[in-house]
Protein backbone atom coordinates (compact mmCIF):
# COMPACT_ATOMS: atom_id res chain seq x y z
CA UNK A 1 0.00 0.00 0.00
CA UNK A 2 2.70 2.48 0.91
CA UNK A 3 4.33 2.05 -2.51
CA UNK A 4 1.05 3.10 -4.14
CA UNK A 5 0.75 6.09 -1.81
CA UNK A 6 4.25 7.30 -2.64
CA UNK A 7 3.19 7.56 -6.28
CA UNK A 8 -0.43 8.62 -5.70
CA UNK A 9 -0.60 10.24 -2.22
CA UNK A 10 -4.38 10.56 -2.27
CA UNK A 11 -4.89 7.24 -3.99
CA UNK A 12 -5.95 6.13 -7.41
CA UNK A 13 -9.17 4.45 -8.42
CA UNK A 14 -12.53 3.75 -6.87
CA UNK A 15 -11.13 2.40 -3.58
CA UNK A 16 -9.93 5.84 -2.45
CA UNK A 17 -12.19 8.68 -1.28
CA UNK A 18 -11.00 12.08 -0.07
CA UNK A 19 -13.16 12.88 2.96
CA UNK A 20 -11.41 16.16 3.90
CA UNK A 21 -9.39 18.52 1.75
CA UNK A 22 -7.61 21.72 2.68
CA UNK A 23 -4.66 23.56 1.18
CA UNK A 24 -2.06 21.43 2.97
CA UNK A 25 -3.83 18.33 4.27
CA UNK A 26 -6.03 15.66 2.72
CA UNK A 27 -7.79 12.96 4.74
CA UNK A 28 -8.42 9.86 2.67
CA UNK A 29 -10.53 6.76 3.26
CA UNK A 30 -9.45 3.64 1.41
CA UNK A 31 -10.40 0.01 1.18
CA UNK A 32 -7.75 -2.70 1.32
CA UNK A 33 -8.35 -6.44 0.85
CA UNK A 34 -6.86 -8.54 3.63
CA UNK A 35 -5.93 -12.22 3.10
CA UNK A 36 -6.18 -12.89 6.85
CA UNK A 37 -9.84 -11.91 6.59
CA UNK A 38 -10.35 -14.16 3.55
CA UNK A 39 -10.00 -11.19 1.18
CA UNK A 40 -12.61 -9.12 2.94
CA UNK A 41 -11.84 -5.43 3.30
CA UNK A 42 -10.16 -3.30 5.91
CA UNK A 43 -10.83 0.43 5.94
CA UNK A 44 -7.90 2.77 6.41
CA UNK A 45 -8.24 6.46 7.17
CA UNK A 46 -5.06 8.48 6.72
CA UNK A 47 -3.93 12.08 6.41
CA UNK A 48 -1.53 13.23 3.74
CA UNK A 49 0.40 16.44 4.42
CA UNK A 50 1.45 18.11 1.15
CA UNK A 51 4.18 20.34 2.57
CA UNK A 52 6.11 17.57 4.31
CA UNK A 53 4.96 14.72 2.03
CA UNK A 54 4.08 12.61 5.08
CA UNK A 55 1.30 10.16 5.89
CA UNK A 56 -0.36 9.69 9.26
CA UNK A 57 -2.67 6.75 9.83
CA UNK A 58 -5.71 7.93 11.77
CA UNK A 59 -7.82 4.79 11.91
CA UNK A 60 -7.83 1.20 10.65
CA UNK A 61 -10.91 -0.98 11.04
CA UNK A 62 -12.72 -4.00 9.65
CA UNK A 63 -15.91 -3.07 7.83
CA UNK A 64 -17.70 -6.05 9.42
CA UNK A 65 -17.06 -4.65 12.91
CA UNK A 66 -18.30 -1.11 12.32
CA UNK A 67 -20.08 0.70 9.55
CA UNK A 68 -18.20 4.02 9.30
CA UNK A 69 -15.08 5.85 10.38
CA UNK A 70 -15.04 7.82 13.63
CA UNK A 71 -15.66 11.39 12.47
CA UNK A 72 -14.80 12.78 15.93
CA UNK A 73 -11.34 11.20 15.74
CA UNK A 74 -10.76 12.86 12.37
CA UNK A 75 -11.99 16.23 13.68
CA UNK A 76 -9.65 15.99 16.68
CA UNK A 77 -6.73 15.15 14.42
CA UNK A 78 -7.47 18.12 12.16
CA UNK A 79 -7.73 20.47 15.15
CA UNK A 80 -4.16 19.57 16.10
CA UNK A 81 -2.84 20.09 12.55
CA UNK A 82 -4.62 23.17 11.26
CA UNK A 83 -3.34 24.66 8.02
PDB file of N, CA and C in Angstrom:
ATOM      1  N   UNK A   1       0.814  -1.196   0.000  1.00  0.00           N
ATOM      2  CA  UNK A   1       0.000   0.000   0.000  1.00  0.00           C
ATOM      3  C   UNK A   1       0.857   1.260   0.000  1.00  0.00           C
ATOM      4  N   UNK A   2       1.890   1.268   0.821  1.00  0.00           N
ATOM      5  CA  UNK A   2       2.697   2.477   0.913  1.00  0.00           C
ATOM      6  C   UNK A   2       3.414   2.793  -0.399  1.00  0.00           C
ATOM      7  N   UNK A   3       3.728   1.782  -1.198  1.00  0.00           N
ATOM      8  CA  UNK A   3       4.327   2.045  -2.506  1.00  0.00           C
ATOM      9  C   UNK A   3       3.349   2.792  -3.410  1.00  0.00           C
ATOM     10  N   UNK A   4       2.087   2.405  -3.355  1.00  0.00           N
ATOM     11  CA  UNK A   4       1.052   3.098  -4.139  1.00  0.00           C
ATOM     12  C   UNK A   4       0.936   4.533  -3.663  1.00  0.00           C
ATOM     13  N   UNK A   5       0.924   4.747  -2.350  1.00  0.00           N
ATOM     14  CA  UNK A   5       0.755   6.090  -1.805  1.00  0.00           C
ATOM     15  C   UNK A   5       1.917   7.012  -2.137  1.00  0.00           C
ATOM     16  N   UNK A   6       3.109   6.468  -2.261  1.00  0.00           N
ATOM     17  CA  UNK A   6       4.254   7.296  -2.639  1.00  0.00           C
ATOM     18  C   UNK A   6       4.059   7.873  -4.034  1.00  0.00           C
ATOM     19  N   UNK A   7       3.440   7.104  -4.914  1.00  0.00           N
ATOM     20  CA  UNK A   7       3.189   7.557  -6.283  1.00  0.00           C
ATOM     21  C   UNK A   7       1.915   8.389  -6.381  1.00  0.00           C
ATOM     22  N   UNK A   8       0.873   7.948  -5.697  1.00  0.00           N
ATOM     23  CA  UNK A   8      -0.429   8.622  -5.701  1.00  0.00           C
ATOM     24  C   UNK A   8      -0.840   8.891  -4.251  1.00  0.00           C
ATOM     25  N   UNK A   9      -0.380  10.000  -3.647  1.00  0.00           N
ATOM     26  CA  UNK A   9      -0.604  10.243  -2.218  1.00  0.00           C
ATOM     27  C   UNK A   9      -2.062  10.224  -1.772  1.00  0.00           C
ATOM     28  N   UNK A  10      -2.966  10.598  -2.642  1.00  0.00           N
ATOM     29  CA  UNK A  10      -4.379  10.560  -2.267  1.00  0.00           C
ATOM     30  C   UNK A  10      -5.096   9.407  -2.947  1.00  0.00           C
ATOM     31  N   UNK A  11      -4.313   8.441  -3.422  1.00  0.00           N
ATOM     32  CA  UNK A  11      -4.885   7.238  -3.992  1.00  0.00           C
ATOM     33  C   UNK A  11      -5.185   7.347  -5.465  1.00  0.00           C
ATOM     34  N   UNK A  12      -5.602   6.217  -6.000  1.00  0.00           N
ATOM     35  CA  UNK A  12      -5.952   6.128  -7.411  1.00  0.00           C
ATOM     36  C   UNK A  12      -7.028   5.057  -7.561  1.00  0.00           C
ATOM     37  N   UNK A  13      -8.103   5.415  -8.191  1.00  0.00           N
ATOM     38  CA  UNK A  13      -9.166   4.446  -8.423  1.00  0.00           C
ATOM     39  C   UNK A  13     -10.330   4.593  -7.472  1.00  0.00           C
ATOM     40  N   UNK A  14     -11.268   3.670  -7.602  1.00  0.00           N
ATOM     41  CA  UNK A  14     -12.526   3.754  -6.870  1.00  0.00           C
ATOM     42  C   UNK A  14     -12.407   3.385  -5.394  1.00  0.00           C
ATOM     43  N   UNK A  15     -11.293   2.798  -4.977  1.00  0.00           N
ATOM     44  CA  UNK A  15     -11.131   2.397  -3.579  1.00  0.00           C
ATOM     45  C   UNK A  15     -10.639   3.522  -2.672  1.00  0.00           C
ATOM     46  N   UNK A  16     -10.411   4.705  -3.214  1.00  0.00           N
ATOM     47  CA  UNK A  16      -9.933   5.844  -2.450  1.00  0.00           C
ATOM     48  C   UNK A  16     -10.947   6.980  -2.512  1.00  0.00           C
ATOM     49  N   UNK A  17     -11.262   7.563  -1.347  1.00  0.00           N
ATOM     50  CA  UNK A  17     -12.187   8.684  -1.284  1.00  0.00           C
ATOM     51  C   UNK A  17     -11.584   9.756  -0.384  1.00  0.00           C
ATOM     52  N   UNK A  18     -11.469  10.975  -0.894  1.00  0.00           N
ATOM     53  CA  UNK A  18     -10.997  12.085  -0.070  1.00  0.00           C
ATOM     54  C   UNK A  18     -12.180  12.567   0.758  1.00  0.00           C
ATOM     55  N   UNK A  19     -12.051  12.489   2.098  1.00  0.00           N
ATOM     56  CA  UNK A  19     -13.160  12.881   2.963  1.00  0.00           C
ATOM     57  C   UNK A  19     -12.922  14.242   3.619  1.00  0.00           C
ATOM     58  N   UNK A  20     -11.714  14.799   3.458  1.00  0.00           N
ATOM     59  CA  UNK A  20     -11.409  16.163   3.896  1.00  0.00           C
ATOM     60  C   UNK A  20     -10.297  16.679   3.006  1.00  0.00           C
ATOM     61  N   UNK A  21     -10.430  17.928   2.578  1.00  0.00           N
ATOM     62  CA  UNK A  21      -9.392  18.517   1.745  1.00  0.00           C
ATOM     63  C   UNK A  21      -9.202  19.979   2.126  1.00  0.00           C
ATOM     64  N   UNK A  22      -7.962  20.333   2.446  1.00  0.00           N
ATOM     65  CA  UNK A  22      -7.611  21.722   2.683  1.00  0.00           C
ATOM     66  C   UNK A  22      -6.347  22.001   1.870  1.00  0.00           C
ATOM     67  N   UNK A  23      -5.810  23.195   2.008  1.00  0.00           N
ATOM     68  CA  UNK A  23      -4.660  23.558   1.179  1.00  0.00           C
ATOM     69  C   UNK A  23      -3.444  22.676   1.413  1.00  0.00           C
ATOM     70  N   UNK A  24      -3.259  22.201   2.660  1.00  0.00           N
ATOM     71  CA  UNK A  24      -2.055  21.428   2.973  1.00  0.00           C
ATOM     72  C   UNK A  24      -2.308  19.989   3.380  1.00  0.00           C
ATOM     73  N   UNK A  25      -3.540  19.658   3.740  1.00  0.00           N
ATOM     74  CA  UNK A  25      -3.830  18.330   4.268  1.00  0.00           C
ATOM     75  C   UNK A  25      -5.037  17.709   3.581  1.00  0.00           C
ATOM     76  N   UNK A  26      -4.915  16.443   3.252  1.00  0.00           N
ATOM     77  CA  UNK A  26      -6.027  15.659   2.719  1.00  0.00           C
ATOM     78  C   UNK A  26      -6.232  14.464   3.647  1.00  0.00           C
ATOM     79  N   UNK A  27      -7.480  14.176   3.975  1.00  0.00           N
ATOM     80  CA  UNK A  27      -7.794  12.963   4.736  1.00  0.00           C
ATOM     81  C   UNK A  27      -8.494  12.022   3.766  1.00  0.00           C
ATOM     82  N   UNK A  28      -7.964  10.817   3.673  1.00  0.00           N
ATOM     83  CA  UNK A  28      -8.420   9.862   2.671  1.00  0.00           C
ATOM     84  C   UNK A  28      -8.910   8.586   3.354  1.00  0.00           C
ATOM     85  N   UNK A  29      -9.994   8.052   2.816  1.00  0.00           N
ATOM     86  CA  UNK A  29     -10.526   6.761   3.259  1.00  0.00           C
ATOM     87  C   UNK A  29     -10.287   5.777   2.115  1.00  0.00           C
ATOM     88  N   UNK A  30      -9.708   4.635   2.439  1.00  0.00           N
ATOM     89  CA  UNK A  30      -9.448   3.643   1.408  1.00  0.00           C
ATOM     90  C   UNK A  30      -9.857   2.250   1.884  1.00  0.00           C
ATOM     91  N   UNK A  31     -10.030   1.399   0.928  1.00  0.00           N
ATOM     92  CA  UNK A  31     -10.403   0.011   1.180  1.00  0.00           C
ATOM     93  C   UNK A  31      -9.229  -0.863   0.757  1.00  0.00           C
ATOM     94  N   UNK A  32      -8.883  -1.837   1.600  1.00  0.00           N
ATOM     95  CA  UNK A  32      -7.751  -2.698   1.323  1.00  0.00           C
ATOM     96  C   UNK A  32      -8.140  -4.140   1.630  1.00  0.00           C
ATOM     97  N   UNK A  33      -8.037  -5.019   0.640  1.00  0.00           N
ATOM     98  CA  UNK A  33      -8.351  -6.439   0.847  1.00  0.00           C
ATOM     99  C   UNK A  33      -7.306  -7.049   1.767  1.00  0.00           C
ATOM    100  N   UNK A  34      -7.752  -7.919   2.648  1.00  0.00           N
ATOM    101  CA  UNK A  34      -6.863  -8.536   3.630  1.00  0.00           C
ATOM    102  C   UNK A  34      -6.992 -10.059   3.548  1.00  0.00           C
ATOM    103  N   UNK A  35      -5.886 -10.756   3.218  1.00  0.00           N
ATOM    104  CA  UNK A  35      -5.928 -12.215   3.097  1.00  0.00           C
ATOM    105  C   UNK A  35      -6.295 -12.885   4.415  1.00  0.00           C
ATOM    106  N   UNK A  36      -5.857 -12.321   5.533  1.00  0.00           N
ATOM    107  CA  UNK A  36      -6.184 -12.892   6.845  1.00  0.00           C
ATOM    108  C   UNK A  36      -7.681 -12.893   7.105  1.00  0.00           C
ATOM    109  N   UNK A  37      -8.382 -11.995   6.455  1.00  0.00           N
ATOM    110  CA  UNK A  37      -9.842 -11.908   6.592  1.00  0.00           C
ATOM    111  C   UNK A  37     -10.540 -12.545   5.396  1.00  0.00           C
ATOM    112  N   UNK A  38      -9.826 -13.465   4.740  1.00  0.00           N
ATOM    113  CA  UNK A  38     -10.348 -14.163   3.553  1.00  0.00           C
ATOM    114  C   UNK A  38     -10.750 -13.178   2.456  1.00  0.00           C
ATOM    115  N   UNK A  39      -9.863 -12.222   2.210  1.00  0.00           N
ATOM    116  CA  UNK A  39     -10.002 -11.195   1.177  1.00  0.00           C
ATOM    117  C   UNK A  39     -11.144 -10.220   1.409  1.00  0.00           C
ATOM    118  N   UNK A  40     -11.648 -10.174   2.631  1.00  0.00           N
ATOM    119  CA  UNK A  40     -12.607  -9.123   2.941  1.00  0.00           C
ATOM    120  C   UNK A  40     -11.828  -7.842   3.219  1.00  0.00           C
ATOM    121  N   UNK A  41     -12.512  -6.723   3.287  1.00  0.00           N
ATOM    122  CA  UNK A  41     -11.837  -5.429   3.304  1.00  0.00           C
ATOM    123  C   UNK A  41     -11.617  -4.824   4.682  1.00  0.00           C
ATOM    124  N   UNK A  42     -10.469  -4.185   4.785  1.00  0.00           N
ATOM    125  CA  UNK A  42     -10.157  -3.304   5.910  1.00  0.00           C
ATOM    126  C   UNK A  42     -10.376  -1.876   5.397  1.00  0.00           C
ATOM    127  N   UNK A  43     -10.732  -0.993   6.286  1.00  0.00           N
ATOM    128  CA  UNK A  43     -10.828   0.428   5.941  1.00  0.00           C
ATOM    129  C   UNK A  43      -9.667   1.138   6.617  1.00  0.00           C
ATOM    130  N   UNK A  44      -9.020   2.003   5.889  1.00  0.00           N
ATOM    131  CA  UNK A  44      -7.896   2.768   6.406  1.00  0.00           C
ATOM    132  C   UNK A  44      -8.179   4.242   6.175  1.00  0.00           C
ATOM    133  N   UNK A  45      -8.088   5.008   7.250  1.00  0.00           N
ATOM    134  CA  UNK A  45      -8.244   6.459   7.172  1.00  0.00           C
ATOM    135  C   UNK A  45      -6.860   7.044   7.445  1.00  0.00           C
ATOM    136  N   UNK A  46      -6.368   7.871   6.522  1.00  0.00           N
ATOM    137  CA  UNK A  46      -5.060   8.478   6.718  1.00  0.00           C
ATOM    138  C   UNK A  46      -5.064   9.927   6.269  1.00  0.00           C
ATOM    139  N   UNK A  47      -4.116  10.683   6.810  1.00  0.00           N
ATOM    140  CA  UNK A  47      -3.933  12.080   6.413  1.00  0.00           C
ATOM    141  C   UNK A  47      -2.654  12.164   5.589  1.00  0.00           C
ATOM    142  N   UNK A  48      -2.714  12.956   4.537  1.00  0.00           N
ATOM    143  CA  UNK A  48      -1.529  13.228   3.735  1.00  0.00           C
ATOM    144  C   UNK A  48      -1.238  14.714   3.846  1.00  0.00           C
ATOM    145  N   UNK A  49      -0.025  15.048   4.265  1.00  0.00           N
ATOM    146  CA  UNK A  49       0.396  16.442   4.424  1.00  0.00           C
ATOM    147  C   UNK A  49       1.271  16.822   3.239  1.00  0.00           C
ATOM    148  N   UNK A  50       0.753  17.717   2.382  1.00  0.00           N
ATOM    149  CA  UNK A  50       1.448  18.107   1.154  1.00  0.00           C
ATOM    150  C   UNK A  50       2.827  18.699   1.406  1.00  0.00           C
ATOM    151  N   UNK A  51       2.930  19.613   2.356  1.00  0.00           N
ATOM    152  CA  UNK A  51       4.175  20.343   2.574  1.00  0.00           C
ATOM    153  C   UNK A  51       5.324  19.409   2.954  1.00  0.00           C
ATOM    154  N   UNK A  52       5.056  18.469   3.847  1.00  0.00           N
ATOM    155  CA  UNK A  52       6.114  17.568   4.312  1.00  0.00           C
ATOM    156  C   UNK A  52       6.111  16.215   3.602  1.00  0.00           C
ATOM    157  N   UNK A  53       5.119  15.987   2.757  1.00  0.00           N
ATOM    158  CA  UNK A  53       4.956  14.718   2.032  1.00  0.00           C
ATOM    159  C   UNK A  53       4.946  13.533   3.000  1.00  0.00           C
ATOM    160  N   UNK A  54       4.174  13.676   4.080  1.00  0.00           N
ATOM    161  CA  UNK A  54       4.083  12.613   5.075  1.00  0.00           C
ATOM    162  C   UNK A  54       2.662  12.086   5.192  1.00  0.00           C
ATOM    163  N   UNK A  55       2.578  10.836   5.657  1.00  0.00           N
ATOM    164  CA  UNK A  55       1.301  10.165   5.885  1.00  0.00           C
ATOM    165  C   UNK A  55       1.157   9.889   7.378  1.00  0.00           C
ATOM    166  N   UNK A  56      -0.060  10.038   7.873  1.00  0.00           N
ATOM    167  CA  UNK A  56      -0.355   9.689   9.258  1.00  0.00           C
ATOM    168  C   UNK A  56      -1.615   8.829   9.239  1.00  0.00           C
ATOM    169  N   UNK A  57      -1.499   7.618   9.752  1.00  0.00           N
ATOM    170  CA  UNK A  57      -2.668   6.747   9.826  1.00  0.00           C
ATOM    171  C   UNK A  57      -3.522   7.185  11.011  1.00  0.00           C
ATOM    172  N   UNK A  58      -4.791   7.453  10.747  1.00  0.00           N
ATOM    173  CA  UNK A  58      -5.711   7.929  11.771  1.00  0.00           C
ATOM    174  C   UNK A  58      -6.533   6.780  12.336  1.00  0.00           C
ATOM    175  N   UNK A  59      -6.969   5.882  11.460  1.00  0.00           N
ATOM    176  CA  UNK A  59      -7.824   4.792  11.911  1.00  0.00           C
ATOM    177  C   UNK A  59      -7.753   3.628  10.924  1.00  0.00           C
ATOM    178  N   UNK A  60      -7.757   2.421  11.459  1.00  0.00           N
ATOM    179  CA  UNK A  60      -7.830   1.199  10.651  1.00  0.00           C
ATOM    180  C   UNK A  60      -8.891   0.323  11.296  1.00  0.00           C
ATOM    181  N   UNK A  61      -9.855  -0.141  10.481  1.00  0.00           N
ATOM    182  CA  UNK A  61     -10.914  -0.978  11.045  1.00  0.00           C
ATOM    183  C   UNK A  61     -11.462  -1.945   9.998  1.00  0.00           C
ATOM    184  N   UNK A  62     -12.069  -3.005  10.488  1.00  0.00           N
ATOM    185  CA  UNK A  62     -12.721  -4.004   9.646  1.00  0.00           C
ATOM    186  C   UNK A  62     -14.166  -3.581   9.424  1.00  0.00           C
ATOM    187  N   UNK A  63     -14.566  -3.518   8.186  1.00  0.00           N
ATOM    188  CA  UNK A  63     -15.915  -3.070   7.834  1.00  0.00           C
ATOM    189  C   UNK A  63     -16.991  -3.915   8.512  1.00  0.00           C
ATOM    190  N   UNK A  64     -16.722  -5.192   8.758  1.00  0.00           N
ATOM    191  CA  UNK A  64     -17.698  -6.055   9.419  1.00  0.00           C
ATOM    192  C   UNK A  64     -17.911  -5.720  10.886  1.00  0.00           C
ATOM    193  N   UNK A  65     -16.944  -5.009  11.499  1.00  0.00           N
ATOM    194  CA  UNK A  65     -17.057  -4.646  12.911  1.00  0.00           C
ATOM    195  C   UNK A  65     -17.762  -3.320  13.133  1.00  0.00           C
ATOM    196  N   UNK A  66     -17.615  -2.404  12.195  1.00  0.00           N
ATOM    197  CA  UNK A  66     -18.300  -1.113  12.321  1.00  0.00           C
ATOM    198  C   UNK A  66     -18.546  -0.530  10.946  1.00  0.00           C
ATOM    199  N   UNK A  67     -19.608   0.223  10.843  1.00  0.00           N
ATOM    200  CA  UNK A  67     -20.084   0.704   9.553  1.00  0.00           C
ATOM    201  C   UNK A  67     -19.229   1.834   8.978  1.00  0.00           C
ATOM    202  N   UNK A  68     -18.891   2.824   9.802  1.00  0.00           N
ATOM    203  CA  UNK A  68     -18.196   4.021   9.296  1.00  0.00           C
ATOM    204  C   UNK A  68     -17.032   4.417  10.190  1.00  0.00           C
ATOM    205  N   UNK A  69     -16.212   5.307   9.634  1.00  0.00           N
ATOM    206  CA  UNK A  69     -15.083   5.852  10.382  1.00  0.00           C
ATOM    207  C   UNK A  69     -15.584   6.730  11.531  1.00  0.00           C
ATOM    208  N   UNK A  70     -14.703   6.964  12.504  1.00  0.00           N
ATOM    209  CA  UNK A  70     -15.041   7.818  13.634  1.00  0.00           C
ATOM    210  C   UNK A  70     -14.760   9.273  13.256  1.00  0.00           C
ATOM    211  N   UNK A  71     -15.802   9.996  12.903  1.00  0.00           N
ATOM    212  CA  UNK A  71     -15.662  11.393  12.474  1.00  0.00           C
ATOM    213  C   UNK A  71     -15.049  12.270  13.562  1.00  0.00           C
ATOM    214  N   UNK A  72     -15.359  11.988  14.823  1.00  0.00           N
ATOM    215  CA  UNK A  72     -14.798  12.775  15.926  1.00  0.00           C
ATOM    216  C   UNK A  72     -13.278  12.631  15.986  1.00  0.00           C
ATOM    217  N   UNK A  73     -12.789  11.438  15.748  1.00  0.00           N
ATOM    218  CA  UNK A  73     -11.341  11.197  15.745  1.00  0.00           C
ATOM    219  C   UNK A  73     -10.684  12.025  14.645  1.00  0.00           C
ATOM    220  N   UNK A  74     -11.302  12.081  13.492  1.00  0.00           N
ATOM    221  CA  UNK A  74     -10.763  12.863  12.371  1.00  0.00           C
ATOM    222  C   UNK A  74     -10.792  14.345  12.715  1.00  0.00           C
ATOM    223  N   UNK A  75     -11.885  14.819  13.285  1.00  0.00           N
ATOM    224  CA  UNK A  75     -11.991  16.234  13.680  1.00  0.00           C
ATOM    225  C   UNK A  75     -10.908  16.603  14.689  1.00  0.00           C
ATOM    226  N   UNK A  76     -10.686  15.727  15.678  1.00  0.00           N
ATOM    227  CA  UNK A  76      -9.649  15.986  16.685  1.00  0.00           C
ATOM    228  C   UNK A  76      -8.267  16.039  16.041  1.00  0.00           C
ATOM    229  N   UNK A  77      -8.012  15.143  15.117  1.00  0.00           N
ATOM    230  CA  UNK A  77      -6.732  15.147  14.418  1.00  0.00           C
ATOM    231  C   UNK A  77      -6.542  16.459  13.667  1.00  0.00           C
ATOM    232  N   UNK A  78      -7.563  16.891  12.953  1.00  0.00           N
ATOM    233  CA  UNK A  78      -7.465  18.118  12.157  1.00  0.00           C
ATOM    234  C   UNK A  78      -7.310  19.360  13.037  1.00  0.00           C
ATOM    235  N   UNK A  79      -7.896  19.345  14.216  1.00  0.00           N
ATOM    236  CA  UNK A  79      -7.729  20.474  15.151  1.00  0.00           C
ATOM    237  C   UNK A  79      -6.259  20.640  15.525  1.00  0.00           C
ATOM    238  N   UNK A  80      -5.571  19.524  15.717  1.00  0.00           N
ATOM    239  CA  UNK A  80      -4.158  19.571  16.096  1.00  0.00           C
ATOM    240  C   UNK A  80      -3.259  20.015  14.953  1.00  0.00           C
ATOM    241  N   UNK A  81      -3.679  19.792  13.720  1.00  0.00           N
ATOM    242  CA  UNK A  81      -2.844  20.094  12.553  1.00  0.00           C
ATOM    243  C   UNK A  81      -3.534  21.052  11.597  1.00  0.00           C
ATOM    244  N   UNK A  82      -3.959  22.152  12.118  1.00  0.00           N
ATOM    245  CA  UNK A  82      -4.623  23.166  11.259  1.00  0.00           C
ATOM    246  C   UNK A  82      -3.637  23.711  10.236  1.00  0.00           C
ATOM    247  N   UNK A  83      -4.195  24.001   9.018  1.00  0.00           N
ATOM    248  CA  UNK A  83      -3.342  24.665   8.024  1.00  0.00           C
ATOM    249  C   UNK A  83      -3.996  25.897   7.482  1.00  0.00           C
TER     250      UNK A  83
END
